[in-house]
Every structure is written in C-alpha cells, then in structure tokens.
C-alpha cells in the first residue's frame, strides 16, 4: 500500500487517540482503532510477525521484512500511542480525579456512537449473531461489576502477566485494557511507572504486552476472516456491555486506601443523575456526551468521504 507522509501523520494521530483511550479505565483503544478504519490492518500487520521472518531476512534483507510486517504503518501508529500515553497520562489522571462526570460523559457519547458504527458493519443479522451480541454484552457488563483487587503488586512477574492479559483487552473493542489493569490491581503500578519514567517496569510490562499481542491478534484475524459478521456482532455486544463502566454518575459502595494513603473508590454502582449526591452537572454532561457522539459521526463521514 502506497502512502504519503501526511497519511502516516494521520495514522500517528489515530495512534494518539488510541493511547488516550487506553489510559482511561473503561474505554478501549481497540474501539478507537475500529472506528478510525485501521482495525483489520492492525490485526493483519501484527499477526504477520512469525518465525518465517527470519528466513525472509536471510534471503531478502531488512527491507523485505519491513514490507512484510507493514513496518511503516506500525511505527507511525505505535509512535502515536507511545507519545499519547507518556504525555497524557498525568493529564487524564487529573481530569478523572477532578472532573469525573464531565470526562466520563464525553467518553460515554463517544462509545455510544461507536456501537452504531460497529453494528452498521454487520451485513446480515440472524439468530446466532443476535445471540452472540447479547451474550457478549452480558459478559462485558459482568466484567464491569467485578471488584478490583485491593492490593497493588509491582513485581516484575506480575507486571509481565498483567501486560499479556491487558493487551488482549486493549485491542478488543468494548473491553478496556486499563479497566482490566484496575481489576488486577496493576493500574496504579503501571501508571506510576509511566509517570516516574521507570524504564525497567515499563519494559517488563511491554514485553508481556508484545507476547500477548502477537498471540491474540492471530485469533482475532482468523475470526474476522472466517466469521466476520459473527465477530462484529460479538464486538458490538462487548461495547454495549462496557457502557456500564463509563456511565458518568456513580454511587460509591466501598472505599480503599491507595499506596499514597489516599481514600479512593473500590466498588461503584451506576445511578441516575437525579439520585446523585452533589452537583450532577447534567447540562454540561449532556453537551459533552453529544460532542463525543458527534466526533465519531464526523470520523465516520470523513472515512466514507475519503473512500
């Protein structure tokens, strides 16, 4: 595929959007990849990494390997993701702490529009596809109700396994890799490692993520190639079920002390804005949700126009 410099700049911007989403516990970078039109190319590129590349390297050199794995695309995308995570981690953490309703409202609108976008890709609905959508929605909803682990483990082995597990969610639309890290009790250690530039911890986590990514991408690529409609139906269900996690108004049922001794929510339940204790910020929340919704619609229109 022939691309110009401006195309790779756009890919990096999409990567930055994915990185920003992956920092938020409840929003999937895979969802952003899907609605921005790069999801299947991402799966194909990642799954092209195999031992056969060694023989290709010996026969034809680095240039052939780079072309085989779609290296320019992956470099531009992951550069954007890396820049976004490094630069936005503290900002998003601060916004979630100080303006949670407004930030969650924006992402709620964004993910709600994503459901419509992904669902429109399904060319044929039948009993199996509807059943898959409902089942995946129930599974995703159940995941959002699980209690996070209280302890925060920062050992290398734990970070490695966390990377393997979380990356599968990060490339699966609807399931948030960051939320999986929260459930595992690994979100704070990973975020601290990023903010403190802890190269060793980041490296261990990334190695686990790479191994998980190479494995899981092959499964997803096969599902898209063999059962695309059913796969899309399942992904639509995952995104629907994830809406519970990013609903802006929550009632905190239990609390915990984090590693800094600060009291933070442990288990929360979605409630209506009228039942929320404190300022519901309903009007501004609706405005931001509409902005998030419109952003996805505009992205879809832009992609259609480009095609």
Protein backbone atom coordinates (compact mmCIF):
# COMPACT_ATOMS: atom_id res chain seq x y z
CA UNK A 1 0.00 0.00 0.00
CA UNK A 2 1.50 3.30 -1.13
CA UNK A 3 1.20 6.10 1.42
CA UNK A 4 2.39 9.69 1.65
CA UNK A 5 3.94 11.42 4.67
CA UNK A 6 0.61 13.05 5.51
CA UNK A 7 -1.01 9.58 5.63
CA UNK A 8 1.46 8.45 8.28
CA UNK A 9 0.87 11.65 10.25
CA UNK A 10 -2.85 10.82 10.27
CA UNK A 11 -2.05 7.25 11.39
CA UNK A 12 0.05 8.65 14.25
CA UNK A 13 -2.86 10.90 15.26
CA UNK A 14 -5.12 7.84 15.31
CA UNK A 15 -2.49 6.14 17.47
CA UNK A 16 -2.55 9.10 19.85
CA UNK A 17 -6.34 8.72 20.09
CA UNK A 18 -5.91 5.03 20.88
CA UNK A 19 -3.29 5.80 23.51
CA UNK A 20 -5.52 8.42 25.16
CA UNK A 21 -8.41 5.92 25.26
CA UNK A 22 -6.23 3.15 26.69
CA UNK A 23 -5.20 5.37 29.62
CA UNK A 24 -8.87 5.68 30.69
CA UNK A 25 -10.24 2.67 32.65
CA UNK A 26 -13.42 1.96 30.69
CA UNK A 27 -12.59 2.99 27.12
CA UNK A 28 -10.92 0.58 24.68
CA UNK A 29 -8.18 1.61 22.28
CA UNK A 30 -9.48 -1.19 20.06
CA UNK A 31 -12.76 0.71 19.73
CA UNK A 32 -10.88 3.79 18.52
CA UNK A 33 -8.90 1.66 16.05
CA UNK A 34 -12.12 0.19 14.70
CA UNK A 35 -14.00 3.44 14.19
CA UNK A 36 -10.94 5.09 12.65
CA UNK A 37 -10.76 2.37 9.99
CA UNK A 38 -7.41 0.78 10.85
CA UNK A 39 -8.50 -2.20 12.97
CA UNK A 40 -8.21 -5.04 10.46
CA UNK A 41 -4.97 -3.64 9.02
CA UNK A 42 -3.59 -3.51 12.57
CA UNK A 43 -4.51 -7.15 13.21
CA UNK A 44 -3.06 -8.27 9.87
CA UNK A 45 0.18 -6.35 10.44
CA UNK A 46 0.70 -7.66 13.97
CA UNK A 47 -0.15 -11.25 13.08
CA UNK A 48 2.44 -11.17 10.26
CA UNK A 49 5.20 -11.49 12.87
CA UNK A 50 6.35 -15.13 12.86
CA UNK A 51 9.49 -17.24 12.66
CA UNK A 52 9.28 -17.19 8.87
CA UNK A 53 10.55 -13.61 9.02
CA UNK A 54 13.97 -14.96 9.99
CA UNK A 55 14.27 -16.86 6.71
CA UNK A 56 12.94 -13.84 4.80
CA UNK A 57 15.57 -11.67 6.49
CA UNK A 58 18.34 -14.06 5.41
CA UNK A 59 17.05 -14.29 1.83
CA UNK A 60 15.96 -10.74 1.02
CA UNK A 61 17.13 -8.50 3.85
CA UNK A 62 15.64 -5.95 6.22
CA UNK A 63 13.65 -4.08 3.56
CA UNK A 64 11.63 -7.17 2.65
CA UNK A 65 10.87 -7.90 6.32
CA UNK A 66 9.83 -4.29 6.91
CA UNK A 67 7.43 -4.50 3.97
CA UNK A 68 6.08 -7.89 5.08
CA UNK A 69 5.12 -6.63 8.55
CA UNK A 70 3.82 -3.28 7.27
CA UNK A 71 6.53 -1.64 9.36
CA UNK A 72 5.88 1.99 8.41
CA UNK A 73 2.23 1.67 9.43
CA UNK A 74 3.08 0.02 12.77
CA UNK A 75 5.87 2.51 13.51
CA UNK A 76 3.61 5.52 12.88
CA UNK A 77 0.74 4.02 14.90
CA UNK A 78 2.72 2.88 17.94
CA UNK A 79 4.71 6.11 17.94
CA UNK A 80 1.40 7.96 18.31
CA UNK A 81 0.23 5.58 21.06
CA UNK A 82 3.52 5.97 22.96
CA UNK A 83 3.51 9.78 22.69
CA UNK A 84 -0.09 9.92 23.87
CA UNK A 85 0.40 7.66 26.87
CA UNK A 86 3.56 9.45 28.01
CA UNK A 87 2.16 12.95 27.53
CA UNK A 88 -1.46 12.45 28.56
CA UNK A 89 -1.20 10.02 31.49
CA UNK A 90 -0.93 12.73 34.14
CA UNK A 91 -3.50 15.00 32.47
CA UNK A 92 -6.14 12.30 32.14
CA UNK A 93 -5.47 11.08 35.68
CA UNK A 94 -6.00 14.65 36.92
CA UNK A 95 -9.18 15.16 34.87
CA UNK A 96 -10.67 11.88 36.07
CA UNK A 97 -9.94 12.89 39.66
CA UNK A 98 -11.21 16.48 39.44
CA UNK A 99 -13.92 16.36 36.73
CA UNK A 100 -15.07 12.72 36.57
CA UNK A 101 -18.67 13.33 35.45
CA UNK A 102 -17.68 15.55 32.54
CA UNK A 103 -14.88 13.28 31.31
CA UNK A 104 -16.99 10.12 31.58
CA UNK A 105 -19.86 11.90 29.78
CA UNK A 106 -17.65 12.69 26.81
CA UNK A 107 -16.43 9.10 26.57
CA UNK A 108 -19.97 7.78 27.06
CA UNK A 109 -21.14 9.71 24.00
CA UNK A 110 -18.11 8.55 22.06
CA UNK A 111 -18.65 4.86 22.88
CA UNK A 112 -22.42 5.10 22.32
CA UNK A 113 -21.82 6.31 18.76
CA UNK A 114 -19.26 3.53 18.33
CA UNK A 115 -21.99 0.94 18.92
CA UNK A 116 -23.95 2.33 15.98
CA UNK A 117 -20.83 2.43 13.81
CA UNK A 118 -19.73 -1.15 14.54
CA UNK A 119 -23.29 -2.50 14.28
CA UNK A 120 -23.68 -0.96 10.81
CA UNK A 121 -20.77 -3.07 9.58
CA UNK A 122 -22.81 -6.25 10.07
CA UNK A 123 -24.24 -7.19 6.67
CA UNK A 124 -26.56 -9.96 7.83
CA UNK A 125 -28.38 -10.43 11.13
CA UNK A 126 -29.70 -13.82 12.24
CA UNK A 127 -30.40 -15.71 15.45
CA UNK A 128 -26.73 -16.58 16.02
CA UNK A 129 -25.46 -13.03 15.56
CA UNK A 130 -28.13 -11.58 17.86
CA UNK A 131 -27.42 -14.27 20.46
CA UNK A 132 -23.69 -13.55 20.28
CA UNK A 133 -24.29 -9.83 20.70
CA UNK A 134 -26.47 -10.39 23.78
CA UNK A 135 -24.05 -12.92 25.29
CA UNK A 136 -21.02 -10.67 24.81
CA UNK A 137 -22.95 -7.71 26.22
CA UNK A 138 -23.76 -9.71 29.35
CA UNK A 139 -20.13 -10.84 29.71
CA UNK A 140 -18.81 -7.29 29.30
CA UNK A 141 -21.38 -5.93 31.77
CA UNK A 142 -20.43 -8.62 34.29
CA UNK A 143 -16.75 -7.71 33.96
CA UNK A 144 -17.57 -4.07 34.77
CA UNK A 145 -19.25 -5.15 38.03
CA UNK A 146 -16.30 -7.16 39.34
CA UNK A 147 -14.46 -5.98 42.43
CA UNK A 148 -10.90 -4.72 41.76
CA UNK A 149 -8.11 -6.40 43.68
CA UNK A 150 -7.24 -4.32 46.71
CA UNK A 151 -3.50 -4.96 46.78
CA UNK A 152 -1.12 -3.25 44.38
CA UNK A 153 1.62 -5.57 43.16
CA UNK A 154 4.60 -4.11 41.31
CA UNK A 155 6.76 -7.24 40.93
CA UNK A 156 8.24 -7.98 37.51
CA UNK A 157 6.38 -11.27 37.09
CA UNK A 158 3.07 -9.65 37.93
CA UNK A 159 3.66 -6.75 35.55
CA UNK A 160 4.61 -9.21 32.79
CA UNK A 161 1.37 -11.21 33.20
CA UNK A 162 -0.66 -8.00 33.51
CA UNK A 163 0.76 -6.82 30.19
CA UNK A 164 -0.19 -10.09 28.48
CA UNK A 165 -3.76 -10.00 29.78
CA UNK A 166 -4.42 -6.28 29.40
CA UNK A 167 -3.17 -6.04 25.81
CA UNK A 168 -5.80 -8.59 24.73
CA UNK A 169 -8.48 -6.24 26.06
CA UNK A 170 -6.79 -3.16 24.62
CA UNK A 171 -7.16 -4.44 21.05
CA UNK A 172 -10.63 -5.88 21.66
CA UNK A 173 -13.28 -3.19 21.05
CA UNK A 174 -15.50 -2.69 24.08
CA UNK A 175 -13.20 -4.19 26.70
CA UNK A 176 -10.90 -1.66 28.31
CA UNK A 177 -7.32 -2.76 28.90
CA UNK A 178 -6.98 -0.10 31.58
CA UNK A 179 -10.04 -1.45 33.41
CA UNK A 180 -8.58 -4.96 33.29
CA UNK A 181 -5.46 -3.48 34.91
CA UNK A 182 -7.70 -1.95 37.59
CA UNK A 183 -9.32 -5.34 38.25
CA UNK A 184 -5.90 -6.98 38.51
CA UNK A 185 -4.64 -4.24 40.85
CA UNK A 186 -1.99 -3.31 38.29
CA UNK A 187 -3.36 0.02 37.04
CA UNK A 188 -1.69 2.20 39.68
CA UNK A 189 1.74 0.47 39.49
CA UNK A 190 1.76 0.78 35.69
CA UNK A 191 0.63 4.42 35.76
CA UNK A 192 3.26 5.20 38.41
CA UNK A 193 5.93 3.54 36.27
CA UNK A 194 4.93 5.71 33.30
CA UNK A 195 4.79 8.92 35.32
CA UNK A 196 8.08 8.17 37.11
CA UNK A 197 9.84 7.03 33.91
CA UNK A 198 10.59 3.62 35.50
CA UNK A 199 12.18 2.07 32.40
CA UNK A 200 12.60 -1.42 33.90
CA UNK A 201 8.96 -1.80 34.98
CA UNK A 202 7.71 -0.31 31.71
CA UNK A 203 10.00 -2.68 29.76
CA UNK A 204 8.76 -5.79 31.62
CA UNK A 205 5.14 -4.76 31.10
CA UNK A 206 5.77 -4.08 27.40
CA UNK A 207 7.44 -7.47 26.83
CA UNK A 208 4.37 -9.17 28.29
CA UNK A 209 2.14 -6.97 26.16
CA UNK A 210 4.04 -7.81 22.97
CA UNK A 211 3.80 -11.56 23.59
CA UNK A 212 0.08 -11.30 24.35
CA UNK A 213 -0.49 -9.06 21.33
CA UNK A 214 1.24 -11.41 18.87
CA UNK A 215 -0.80 -14.35 20.15
CA UNK A 216 -4.25 -12.75 20.44
CA UNK A 217 -4.05 -10.84 17.14
CA UNK A 218 -3.86 -14.12 15.23
CA UNK A 219 -7.07 -15.33 16.84
CA UNK A 220 -8.89 -12.11 16.01
CA UNK A 221 -7.57 -12.10 12.43
CA UNK A 222 -8.86 -15.66 11.93
CA UNK A 223 -12.25 -14.74 13.36
CA UNK A 224 -12.55 -11.75 11.00
CA UNK A 225 -11.51 -13.87 8.02
CA UNK A 226 -13.82 -16.79 8.82
CA UNK A 227 -16.78 -15.33 10.71
CA UNK A 228 -16.76 -11.58 10.15
CA UNK A 229 -20.46 -10.90 10.81
CA UNK A 230 -20.49 -13.00 13.97
CA UNK A 231 -17.27 -11.39 15.17
CA UNK A 232 -18.70 -7.92 14.59
CA UNK A 233 -21.87 -8.90 16.45
CA UNK A 234 -19.79 -10.07 19.40
CA UNK A 235 -17.74 -6.87 19.38
CA UNK A 236 -20.94 -4.80 19.29
CA UNK A 237 -22.12 -6.67 22.36
CA UNK A 238 -18.83 -6.06 24.17
CA UNK A 239 -19.13 -2.32 23.54
CA UNK A 240 -22.77 -2.26 24.71
CA UNK A 241 -21.87 -4.07 27.94
CA UNK A 242 -18.97 -1.71 28.60
CA UNK A 243 -21.30 1.31 28.82
CA UNK A 244 -21.98 0.49 32.47
CA UNK A 245 -18.37 1.16 33.36
CA UNK A 246 -18.28 4.63 31.79
CA UNK A 247 -21.73 5.80 32.98
CA UNK A 248 -20.92 9.22 34.48
CA UNK A 249 -23.00 9.08 37.68
CA UNK A 250 -21.86 6.57 40.27
CA UNK A 251 -22.65 5.74 43.87
CA UNK A 252 -19.55 4.56 45.72
CA UNK A 253 -20.36 1.44 47.75
CA UNK A 254 -16.92 0.73 49.21
CA UNK A 255 -13.65 2.63 49.51
CA UNK A 256 -9.96 1.74 49.86
CA UNK A 257 -6.67 3.44 50.61
CA UNK A 258 -4.20 3.52 47.72
CA UNK A 259 -0.42 3.31 48.01
CA UNK A 260 -0.26 7.03 48.89
CA UNK A 261 -2.79 6.64 51.70
CA UNK A 262 -5.49 8.49 49.75
CA UNK A 263 -9.10 7.27 50.01
CA UNK A 264 -10.36 6.17 46.56
CA UNK A 265 -13.50 4.30 45.37
CA UNK A 266 -13.29 0.50 45.29
CA UNK A 267 -16.77 -0.62 44.16
CA UNK A 268 -19.28 1.68 42.46
CA UNK A 269 -22.82 1.36 41.14
CA UNK A 270 -24.38 3.31 38.26
CA UNK A 271 -27.25 5.59 39.33
CA UNK A 272 -29.47 8.22 37.71
CA UNK A 273 -28.34 11.87 37.69
CA UNK A 274 -31.27 12.79 39.99
CA UNK A 275 -30.08 10.30 42.62
CA UNK A 276 -26.50 11.58 42.54
CA UNK A 277 -25.33 13.19 45.79
CA UNK A 278 -23.78 16.52 44.88
CA UNK A 279 -23.82 18.60 41.69
CA UNK A 280 -24.89 16.34 38.81
CA UNK A 281 -23.64 18.81 36.14
CA UNK A 282 -26.37 17.35 33.92
CA UNK A 283 -26.49 20.06 31.24
CA UNK A 284 -22.73 20.16 30.71
CA UNK A 285 -22.58 16.36 30.84
CA UNK A 286 -25.20 16.08 28.08
CA UNK A 287 -23.33 18.64 25.98
CA UNK A 288 -20.05 16.75 26.29
CA UNK A 289 -21.77 13.43 25.56
CA UNK A 290 -23.22 14.94 22.39
CA UNK A 291 -19.77 16.25 21.43
CA UNK A 292 -18.31 12.76 21.89
CA UNK A 293 -21.15 11.30 19.82
CA UNK A 294 -20.66 13.84 17.02
CA UNK A 295 -16.89 13.22 16.96
CA UNK A 296 -17.49 9.58 15.98
CA UNK A 297 -20.14 10.50 13.41
CA UNK A 298 -17.74 13.00 11.83
CA UNK A 299 -14.96 10.40 11.77
CA UNK A 300 -17.32 8.00 10.00
CA UNK A 301 -18.32 10.65 7.46
CA UNK A 302 -14.67 11.56 6.90
CA UNK A 303 -13.76 7.91 6.31
CA UNK A 304 -16.69 7.50 3.88
CA UNK A 305 -15.69 10.67 2.04
CA UNK A 306 -12.08 9.51 1.75
CA UNK A 307 -13.15 6.10 0.44
